[in-house]
N, C-alpha and C. Protein backbone atom coordinates (compact mmCIF):
# COMPACT_ATOMS: atom_id res chain seq x y z
N MET A 1 -59.84 31.56 -9.25
CA MET A 1 -58.75 30.78 -8.70
C MET A 1 -57.83 31.67 -7.86
N ILE A 2 -56.79 32.18 -8.46
CA ILE A 2 -55.79 32.95 -7.72
C ILE A 2 -56.39 34.27 -7.24
N ALA A 3 -57.31 34.85 -8.01
CA ALA A 3 -57.92 36.13 -7.62
C ALA A 3 -58.69 35.98 -6.31
N ARG A 4 -59.43 34.90 -6.17
CA ARG A 4 -60.19 34.67 -4.93
C ARG A 4 -59.24 34.52 -3.74
N PHE A 5 -58.13 33.79 -3.93
CA PHE A 5 -57.13 33.64 -2.87
C PHE A 5 -56.53 35.00 -2.50
N ASN A 6 -56.22 35.79 -3.50
CA ASN A 6 -55.64 37.12 -3.27
C ASN A 6 -56.58 38.02 -2.46
N GLU A 7 -57.88 37.84 -2.63
CA GLU A 7 -58.87 38.70 -1.98
C GLU A 7 -59.32 38.22 -0.61
N MET A 8 -58.92 37.04 -0.21
CA MET A 8 -59.32 36.50 1.10
C MET A 8 -58.80 37.37 2.22
N PRO A 9 -59.55 37.43 3.33
CA PRO A 9 -58.98 38.06 4.52
C PRO A 9 -57.70 37.32 4.92
N ALA A 10 -56.77 38.04 5.51
CA ALA A 10 -55.45 37.48 5.82
C ALA A 10 -55.54 36.18 6.61
N GLU A 11 -56.34 36.15 7.67
CA GLU A 11 -56.39 34.94 8.50
C GLU A 11 -56.97 33.75 7.74
N GLU A 12 -57.91 33.98 6.86
CA GLU A 12 -58.47 32.91 6.04
C GLU A 12 -57.40 32.37 5.08
N ALA A 13 -56.62 33.25 4.49
CA ALA A 13 -55.54 32.82 3.59
C ALA A 13 -54.52 32.00 4.36
N VAL A 14 -54.13 32.47 5.55
CA VAL A 14 -53.17 31.73 6.37
C VAL A 14 -53.73 30.35 6.72
N SER A 15 -54.99 30.31 7.11
CA SER A 15 -55.63 29.04 7.48
C SER A 15 -55.66 28.07 6.30
N ASN A 16 -56.02 28.56 5.13
CA ASN A 16 -56.05 27.71 3.94
C ASN A 16 -54.66 27.21 3.57
N LEU A 17 -53.67 28.08 3.66
CA LEU A 17 -52.30 27.66 3.38
C LEU A 17 -51.81 26.64 4.40
N HIS A 18 -52.18 26.85 5.66
CA HIS A 18 -51.78 25.92 6.72
C HIS A 18 -52.37 24.53 6.49
N GLU A 19 -53.55 24.46 5.88
CA GLU A 19 -54.14 23.16 5.52
C GLU A 19 -53.30 22.44 4.47
N CYS A 20 -52.59 23.22 3.67
CA CYS A 20 -51.74 22.65 2.62
C CYS A 20 -50.38 22.23 3.13
N PHE A 21 -49.87 22.97 4.10
CA PHE A 21 -48.54 22.72 4.66
C PHE A 21 -48.56 23.18 6.12
N ALA A 22 -48.41 22.26 7.03
CA ALA A 22 -48.62 22.53 8.46
C ALA A 22 -47.47 23.27 9.12
N SER A 23 -47.24 24.48 8.65
CA SER A 23 -46.26 25.37 9.28
C SER A 23 -46.86 26.76 9.29
N ARG A 24 -47.18 27.23 10.45
CA ARG A 24 -47.78 28.57 10.56
C ARG A 24 -46.82 29.65 10.05
N PRO A 25 -45.52 29.63 10.39
CA PRO A 25 -44.62 30.65 9.85
C PRO A 25 -44.59 30.64 8.31
N TRP A 26 -44.59 29.46 7.73
CA TRP A 26 -44.61 29.35 6.27
C TRP A 26 -45.90 29.95 5.72
N ALA A 27 -47.04 29.55 6.29
CA ALA A 27 -48.33 30.04 5.81
C ALA A 27 -48.43 31.56 5.93
N GLU A 28 -47.95 32.11 7.04
CA GLU A 28 -47.99 33.56 7.22
C GLU A 28 -47.10 34.27 6.20
N ARG A 29 -45.93 33.70 5.96
CA ARG A 29 -45.00 34.30 5.00
C ARG A 29 -45.59 34.31 3.59
N VAL A 30 -46.19 33.19 3.20
CA VAL A 30 -46.76 33.09 1.85
C VAL A 30 -47.99 34.01 1.74
N ALA A 31 -48.84 34.01 2.75
CA ALA A 31 -50.04 34.86 2.71
C ALA A 31 -49.67 36.34 2.64
N SER A 32 -48.59 36.72 3.33
CA SER A 32 -48.20 38.13 3.35
C SER A 32 -47.68 38.62 2.00
N GLY A 33 -47.37 37.72 1.09
CA GLY A 33 -46.86 38.09 -0.22
C GLY A 33 -47.95 38.37 -1.26
N ARG A 34 -49.21 38.19 -0.87
CA ARG A 34 -50.29 38.45 -1.81
C ARG A 34 -50.33 39.93 -2.17
N PRO A 35 -50.77 40.26 -3.36
CA PRO A 35 -51.40 39.39 -4.36
C PRO A 35 -50.37 38.71 -5.26
N TYR A 36 -50.75 37.53 -5.73
CA TYR A 36 -49.93 36.77 -6.69
C TYR A 36 -50.57 36.87 -8.06
N ARG A 37 -49.74 36.99 -9.07
CA ARG A 37 -50.27 37.18 -10.42
C ARG A 37 -50.79 35.87 -11.00
N ASP A 38 -50.19 34.73 -10.59
CA ASP A 38 -50.62 33.43 -11.11
C ASP A 38 -50.11 32.33 -10.17
N PHE A 39 -50.46 31.11 -10.51
CA PHE A 39 -50.09 29.97 -9.67
C PHE A 39 -48.58 29.83 -9.55
N GLU A 40 -47.87 30.03 -10.64
CA GLU A 40 -46.42 29.88 -10.60
C GLU A 40 -45.75 30.91 -9.70
N SER A 41 -46.30 32.11 -9.64
CA SER A 41 -45.71 33.10 -8.72
C SER A 41 -46.02 32.73 -7.27
N LEU A 42 -47.17 32.10 -7.03
CA LEU A 42 -47.47 31.58 -5.69
C LEU A 42 -46.48 30.48 -5.32
N ILE A 43 -46.21 29.57 -6.24
CA ILE A 43 -45.26 28.48 -5.98
C ILE A 43 -43.86 29.05 -5.72
N ALA A 44 -43.49 30.08 -6.45
CA ALA A 44 -42.18 30.71 -6.22
C ALA A 44 -42.10 31.28 -4.81
N ALA A 45 -43.19 31.89 -4.35
CA ALA A 45 -43.22 32.40 -2.98
C ALA A 45 -43.16 31.26 -1.97
N CYS A 46 -43.82 30.15 -2.28
CA CYS A 46 -43.74 28.97 -1.41
C CYS A 46 -42.31 28.49 -1.31
N ASP A 47 -41.61 28.43 -2.45
CA ASP A 47 -40.21 28.00 -2.45
C ASP A 47 -39.35 28.91 -1.58
N THR A 48 -39.55 30.21 -1.71
CA THR A 48 -38.79 31.15 -0.89
C THR A 48 -39.07 30.93 0.59
N ALA A 49 -40.34 30.79 0.94
CA ALA A 49 -40.71 30.58 2.34
C ALA A 49 -40.16 29.25 2.86
N TRP A 50 -40.17 28.20 2.02
CA TRP A 50 -39.61 26.91 2.43
C TRP A 50 -38.12 27.04 2.71
N SER A 51 -37.42 27.82 1.89
CA SER A 51 -35.97 27.96 2.07
C SER A 51 -35.62 28.64 3.38
N GLU A 52 -36.57 29.34 3.97
CA GLU A 52 -36.35 30.03 5.24
C GLU A 52 -36.68 29.18 6.46
N LEU A 53 -37.23 27.99 6.24
CA LEU A 53 -37.60 27.13 7.37
C LEU A 53 -36.37 26.41 7.93
N ALA A 54 -36.37 26.27 9.22
CA ALA A 54 -35.34 25.49 9.91
C ALA A 54 -35.71 24.01 9.84
N PRO A 55 -34.72 23.12 10.01
CA PRO A 55 -35.04 21.69 10.02
C PRO A 55 -36.15 21.34 11.03
N SER A 56 -36.19 22.01 12.15
CA SER A 56 -37.24 21.73 13.14
C SER A 56 -38.63 22.09 12.60
N ASP A 57 -38.72 23.13 11.74
CA ASP A 57 -40.00 23.48 11.12
C ASP A 57 -40.46 22.37 10.18
N TRP A 58 -39.51 21.82 9.42
CA TRP A 58 -39.85 20.71 8.52
C TRP A 58 -40.34 19.50 9.31
N LEU A 59 -39.62 19.17 10.38
CA LEU A 59 -40.01 18.01 11.19
C LEU A 59 -41.39 18.20 11.81
N ALA A 60 -41.70 19.42 12.23
CA ALA A 60 -43.03 19.70 12.78
C ALA A 60 -44.10 19.53 11.69
N ALA A 61 -43.80 19.98 10.49
CA ALA A 61 -44.75 19.81 9.38
C ALA A 61 -44.92 18.33 9.03
N PHE A 62 -43.83 17.56 9.06
CA PHE A 62 -43.93 16.12 8.81
C PHE A 62 -44.87 15.47 9.83
N ALA A 63 -44.74 15.88 11.08
CA ALA A 63 -45.52 15.28 12.18
C ALA A 63 -47.02 15.50 12.02
N ALA A 64 -47.41 16.45 11.21
CA ALA A 64 -48.82 16.74 11.01
C ALA A 64 -49.49 15.75 10.05
N HIS A 65 -48.71 14.84 9.47
CA HIS A 65 -49.23 13.87 8.51
C HIS A 65 -49.46 12.52 9.17
N PRO A 66 -50.51 11.82 8.74
CA PRO A 66 -50.70 10.45 9.24
C PRO A 66 -49.70 9.52 8.55
N ARG A 67 -49.51 8.37 9.13
CA ARG A 67 -48.72 7.35 8.46
C ARG A 67 -49.45 6.91 7.19
N ILE A 68 -48.68 6.48 6.21
CA ILE A 68 -49.28 5.91 5.00
C ILE A 68 -50.12 4.70 5.43
N GLY A 69 -51.36 4.68 4.95
CA GLY A 69 -52.27 3.60 5.31
C GLY A 69 -53.14 3.91 6.51
N GLU A 70 -52.92 5.05 7.16
CA GLU A 70 -53.71 5.45 8.32
C GLU A 70 -54.44 6.76 8.03
N SER A 71 -55.45 7.03 8.82
CA SER A 71 -56.22 8.26 8.69
C SER A 71 -55.73 9.27 9.71
N GLY A 72 -56.19 10.51 9.54
CA GLY A 72 -55.88 11.54 10.53
C GLY A 72 -55.00 12.62 9.96
N GLY A 73 -54.19 13.18 10.84
CA GLY A 73 -53.33 14.28 10.45
C GLY A 73 -54.05 15.61 10.55
N HIS A 74 -53.36 16.67 10.20
CA HIS A 74 -53.95 18.00 10.32
C HIS A 74 -54.92 18.32 9.18
N ALA A 75 -54.89 17.55 8.11
CA ALA A 75 -55.80 17.74 6.98
C ALA A 75 -56.32 16.36 6.56
N PRO A 76 -57.18 15.74 7.39
CA PRO A 76 -57.58 14.36 7.16
C PRO A 76 -58.28 14.12 5.82
N GLU A 77 -59.09 15.06 5.37
CA GLU A 77 -59.78 14.86 4.09
C GLU A 77 -58.79 14.82 2.94
N SER A 78 -57.80 15.69 2.98
CA SER A 78 -56.77 15.69 1.93
C SER A 78 -55.98 14.39 1.97
N SER A 79 -55.59 13.96 3.16
CA SER A 79 -54.82 12.72 3.29
C SER A 79 -55.61 11.53 2.77
N GLU A 80 -56.90 11.47 3.09
CA GLU A 80 -57.74 10.38 2.61
C GLU A 80 -57.77 10.35 1.09
N ARG A 81 -57.97 11.50 0.49
CA ARG A 81 -58.03 11.62 -0.97
C ARG A 81 -56.69 11.20 -1.59
N GLU A 82 -55.59 11.67 -1.01
CA GLU A 82 -54.26 11.38 -1.55
C GLU A 82 -53.88 9.92 -1.41
N GLN A 83 -54.40 9.25 -0.39
CA GLN A 83 -54.05 7.86 -0.14
C GLN A 83 -55.10 6.88 -0.70
N ALA A 84 -55.95 7.35 -1.58
CA ALA A 84 -57.02 6.50 -2.11
C ALA A 84 -56.48 5.21 -2.72
N GLY A 85 -55.36 5.26 -3.39
CA GLY A 85 -54.78 4.07 -4.02
C GLY A 85 -54.27 3.04 -3.03
N VAL A 86 -54.03 3.47 -1.81
CA VAL A 86 -53.53 2.57 -0.76
C VAL A 86 -54.67 1.75 -0.18
N ARG A 87 -55.85 2.32 -0.13
CA ARG A 87 -56.99 1.69 0.55
C ARG A 87 -57.41 0.34 -0.05
N SER A 88 -57.08 0.10 -1.30
CA SER A 88 -57.50 -1.15 -1.94
C SER A 88 -56.47 -2.27 -1.77
N ALA A 89 -55.43 -2.02 -1.01
CA ALA A 89 -54.37 -3.03 -0.82
C ALA A 89 -54.87 -4.21 0.00
N SER A 90 -54.20 -5.31 -0.18
CA SER A 90 -54.53 -6.52 0.59
C SER A 90 -54.20 -6.30 2.07
N PRO A 91 -54.81 -7.07 2.95
CA PRO A 91 -54.47 -6.97 4.37
C PRO A 91 -52.99 -7.22 4.64
N GLU A 92 -52.38 -8.11 3.85
CA GLU A 92 -50.96 -8.40 4.03
C GLU A 92 -50.10 -7.18 3.68
N THR A 93 -50.45 -6.50 2.60
CA THR A 93 -49.71 -5.29 2.21
C THR A 93 -49.90 -4.19 3.24
N MET A 94 -51.11 -4.04 3.73
CA MET A 94 -51.38 -3.01 4.75
C MET A 94 -50.59 -3.31 6.03
N ALA A 95 -50.50 -4.58 6.41
CA ALA A 95 -49.71 -4.96 7.58
C ALA A 95 -48.23 -4.68 7.35
N ALA A 96 -47.75 -4.97 6.14
CA ALA A 96 -46.34 -4.69 5.81
C ALA A 96 -46.07 -3.18 5.86
N LEU A 97 -46.99 -2.38 5.34
CA LEU A 97 -46.84 -0.92 5.40
C LEU A 97 -46.78 -0.45 6.84
N ALA A 98 -47.66 -0.97 7.68
CA ALA A 98 -47.66 -0.57 9.09
C ALA A 98 -46.33 -0.92 9.75
N ASP A 99 -45.83 -2.12 9.49
CA ASP A 99 -44.54 -2.54 10.07
C ASP A 99 -43.39 -1.67 9.56
N GLU A 100 -43.37 -1.42 8.27
CA GLU A 100 -42.29 -0.62 7.69
C GLU A 100 -42.37 0.84 8.13
N ASN A 101 -43.58 1.36 8.30
CA ASN A 101 -43.74 2.72 8.84
C ASN A 101 -43.07 2.83 10.21
N ARG A 102 -43.30 1.84 11.05
CA ARG A 102 -42.71 1.85 12.40
C ARG A 102 -41.18 1.74 12.33
N ARG A 103 -40.69 0.88 11.47
CA ARG A 103 -39.22 0.74 11.30
C ARG A 103 -38.61 2.06 10.82
N TYR A 104 -39.28 2.68 9.85
CA TYR A 104 -38.79 3.95 9.30
C TYR A 104 -38.74 5.01 10.41
N GLU A 105 -39.81 5.12 11.18
CA GLU A 105 -39.86 6.12 12.25
C GLU A 105 -38.79 5.85 13.31
N ALA A 106 -38.54 4.59 13.60
CA ALA A 106 -37.49 4.26 14.57
C ALA A 106 -36.12 4.66 14.02
N ARG A 107 -35.93 4.51 12.73
CA ARG A 107 -34.63 4.84 12.12
C ARG A 107 -34.44 6.34 11.95
N PHE A 108 -35.47 7.04 11.47
CA PHE A 108 -35.31 8.45 11.11
C PHE A 108 -35.94 9.44 12.08
N GLY A 109 -36.83 8.98 12.94
CA GLY A 109 -37.42 9.87 13.94
C GLY A 109 -38.58 10.71 13.45
N HIS A 110 -39.09 10.41 12.27
CA HIS A 110 -40.27 11.12 11.76
C HIS A 110 -41.06 10.21 10.84
N VAL A 111 -42.29 10.61 10.58
CA VAL A 111 -43.18 9.84 9.72
C VAL A 111 -42.61 9.76 8.30
N PHE A 112 -42.84 8.62 7.65
CA PHE A 112 -42.46 8.45 6.24
C PHE A 112 -43.39 9.31 5.40
N LEU A 113 -42.81 10.20 4.63
CA LEU A 113 -43.59 11.13 3.83
C LEU A 113 -43.34 10.86 2.35
N ILE A 114 -44.44 10.67 1.63
CA ILE A 114 -44.38 10.44 0.19
C ILE A 114 -45.64 11.01 -0.43
N SER A 115 -45.53 11.56 -1.59
CA SER A 115 -46.71 12.01 -2.32
C SER A 115 -47.41 10.75 -2.82
N ALA A 116 -48.50 10.39 -2.15
CA ALA A 116 -49.17 9.11 -2.41
C ALA A 116 -50.19 9.19 -3.54
N SER A 117 -50.52 10.38 -4.00
CA SER A 117 -51.53 10.53 -5.05
C SER A 117 -51.16 9.71 -6.27
N GLY A 118 -52.10 8.85 -6.69
CA GLY A 118 -51.89 8.04 -7.88
C GLY A 118 -50.99 6.83 -7.69
N ARG A 119 -50.57 6.56 -6.46
CA ARG A 119 -49.68 5.42 -6.20
C ARG A 119 -50.44 4.32 -5.45
N THR A 120 -50.03 3.09 -5.72
CA THR A 120 -50.60 1.95 -5.01
C THR A 120 -49.79 1.72 -3.73
N ALA A 121 -50.36 0.94 -2.85
CA ALA A 121 -49.66 0.57 -1.62
C ALA A 121 -48.38 -0.19 -1.93
N ASP A 122 -48.42 -1.05 -2.93
CA ASP A 122 -47.22 -1.82 -3.30
C ASP A 122 -46.11 -0.90 -3.79
N GLU A 123 -46.46 0.10 -4.60
CA GLU A 123 -45.46 1.06 -5.08
C GLU A 123 -44.85 1.84 -3.91
N ILE A 124 -45.70 2.22 -2.99
CA ILE A 124 -45.22 2.98 -1.83
C ILE A 124 -44.32 2.11 -0.96
N LEU A 125 -44.68 0.86 -0.79
CA LEU A 125 -43.87 -0.06 0.01
C LEU A 125 -42.48 -0.25 -0.60
N VAL A 126 -42.41 -0.35 -1.91
CA VAL A 126 -41.11 -0.46 -2.59
C VAL A 126 -40.27 0.79 -2.32
N GLU A 127 -40.89 1.95 -2.43
CA GLU A 127 -40.18 3.21 -2.19
C GLU A 127 -39.74 3.33 -0.73
N LEU A 128 -40.59 2.89 0.18
CA LEU A 128 -40.25 2.93 1.60
C LEU A 128 -39.00 2.07 1.86
N HIS A 129 -38.99 0.87 1.29
CA HIS A 129 -37.82 -0.01 1.44
C HIS A 129 -36.57 0.66 0.87
N ARG A 130 -36.68 1.27 -0.32
CA ARG A 130 -35.53 1.91 -0.94
C ARG A 130 -35.02 3.06 -0.08
N ARG A 131 -35.91 3.86 0.44
CA ARG A 131 -35.50 5.03 1.22
C ARG A 131 -34.94 4.66 2.59
N MET A 132 -35.19 3.48 3.06
CA MET A 132 -34.59 3.03 4.33
C MET A 132 -33.07 2.96 4.21
N GLN A 133 -32.55 2.92 3.00
CA GLN A 133 -31.10 2.87 2.78
C GLN A 133 -30.44 4.24 2.87
N ASN A 134 -31.24 5.31 2.87
CA ASN A 134 -30.69 6.67 2.94
C ASN A 134 -30.09 6.96 4.30
N ASP A 135 -29.13 7.88 4.34
CA ASP A 135 -28.68 8.39 5.63
C ASP A 135 -29.69 9.44 6.07
N SER A 136 -29.62 9.86 7.32
CA SER A 136 -30.63 10.77 7.89
C SER A 136 -30.74 12.09 7.15
N ALA A 137 -29.62 12.71 6.81
CA ALA A 137 -29.65 14.01 6.12
C ALA A 137 -30.28 13.87 4.74
N THR A 138 -29.92 12.82 4.02
CA THR A 138 -30.50 12.60 2.70
C THR A 138 -32.00 12.37 2.82
N GLU A 139 -32.39 11.59 3.81
CA GLU A 139 -33.80 11.25 3.94
C GLU A 139 -34.65 12.47 4.30
N VAL A 140 -34.16 13.34 5.15
CA VAL A 140 -34.91 14.57 5.46
C VAL A 140 -35.10 15.38 4.18
N ALA A 141 -34.08 15.46 3.35
CA ALA A 141 -34.19 16.21 2.09
C ALA A 141 -35.19 15.55 1.14
N VAL A 142 -35.17 14.22 1.07
CA VAL A 142 -36.11 13.51 0.21
C VAL A 142 -37.54 13.70 0.73
N ALA A 143 -37.72 13.56 2.04
CA ALA A 143 -39.05 13.75 2.62
C ALA A 143 -39.55 15.17 2.40
N ALA A 144 -38.67 16.15 2.51
CA ALA A 144 -39.06 17.55 2.28
C ALA A 144 -39.48 17.74 0.82
N ALA A 145 -38.78 17.12 -0.11
CA ALA A 145 -39.16 17.23 -1.53
C ALA A 145 -40.52 16.59 -1.77
N GLU A 146 -40.78 15.47 -1.12
CA GLU A 146 -42.09 14.83 -1.23
C GLU A 146 -43.17 15.72 -0.61
N HIS A 147 -42.83 16.36 0.49
CA HIS A 147 -43.79 17.25 1.15
C HIS A 147 -44.14 18.42 0.24
N ARG A 148 -43.18 18.91 -0.49
CA ARG A 148 -43.44 20.00 -1.44
C ARG A 148 -44.40 19.54 -2.53
N LYS A 149 -44.26 18.29 -3.00
CA LYS A 149 -45.18 17.76 -4.00
C LYS A 149 -46.60 17.69 -3.43
N ILE A 150 -46.71 17.20 -2.21
CA ILE A 150 -48.02 17.12 -1.55
C ILE A 150 -48.63 18.51 -1.44
N THR A 151 -47.83 19.47 -1.02
CA THR A 151 -48.31 20.83 -0.85
C THR A 151 -48.79 21.41 -2.17
N ARG A 152 -48.06 21.17 -3.22
CA ARG A 152 -48.46 21.69 -4.54
C ARG A 152 -49.82 21.13 -4.94
N ILE A 153 -50.02 19.84 -4.74
CA ILE A 153 -51.31 19.21 -5.05
C ILE A 153 -52.41 19.87 -4.22
N ARG A 154 -52.15 20.09 -2.95
CA ARG A 154 -53.14 20.70 -2.07
C ARG A 154 -53.42 22.15 -2.45
N LEU A 155 -52.38 22.88 -2.84
CA LEU A 155 -52.58 24.26 -3.29
C LEU A 155 -53.43 24.30 -4.55
N GLU A 156 -53.16 23.41 -5.49
CA GLU A 156 -53.96 23.36 -6.71
C GLU A 156 -55.42 23.10 -6.38
N ARG A 157 -55.67 22.17 -5.47
CA ARG A 157 -57.04 21.84 -5.07
C ARG A 157 -57.68 23.04 -4.36
N MET A 158 -56.93 23.67 -3.47
CA MET A 158 -57.46 24.84 -2.73
C MET A 158 -57.91 25.93 -3.72
N LEU A 159 -57.11 26.17 -4.72
CA LEU A 159 -57.42 27.25 -5.66
C LEU A 159 -58.54 26.87 -6.63
N SER A 160 -58.81 25.60 -6.79
CA SER A 160 -59.86 25.18 -7.72
C SER A 160 -61.22 25.02 -7.05
N GLU A 161 -61.25 25.06 -5.74
CA GLU A 161 -62.54 24.88 -5.02
C GLU A 161 -63.31 26.16 -4.94
């Protein structure tokens, strides 16, 4: 797990980290801190690197994700796996998600980000509606926290493969 990550060539480590979180400066910062003794020390380094990102870095990382209910993004296989619970939604729910995604983007200027693993489309739609009530600064912070959850899931998967 962590030993294999620690032994990777630098560019491979950066590339793998970038698949987890689409910020090259973040990935380079985390990769440069190797070796890590365990997963928790890796997460601590991720937290430190995240704290050094500017709001524009976060927005760029958000932009690398597909909308909920859509495919694509910078790590399409991960997004597909994470959104598995959304795929079984009714056509009406999928249409509502698409509409609300557009409303959210018009309001906040970035894609709606939520850790979708284990959630249904209906649960996500409720959360999307609730978060539409946030002000912009609060919502960026909430989206960043969700992005960290997504990254943690992706890091765990990366280290287990």
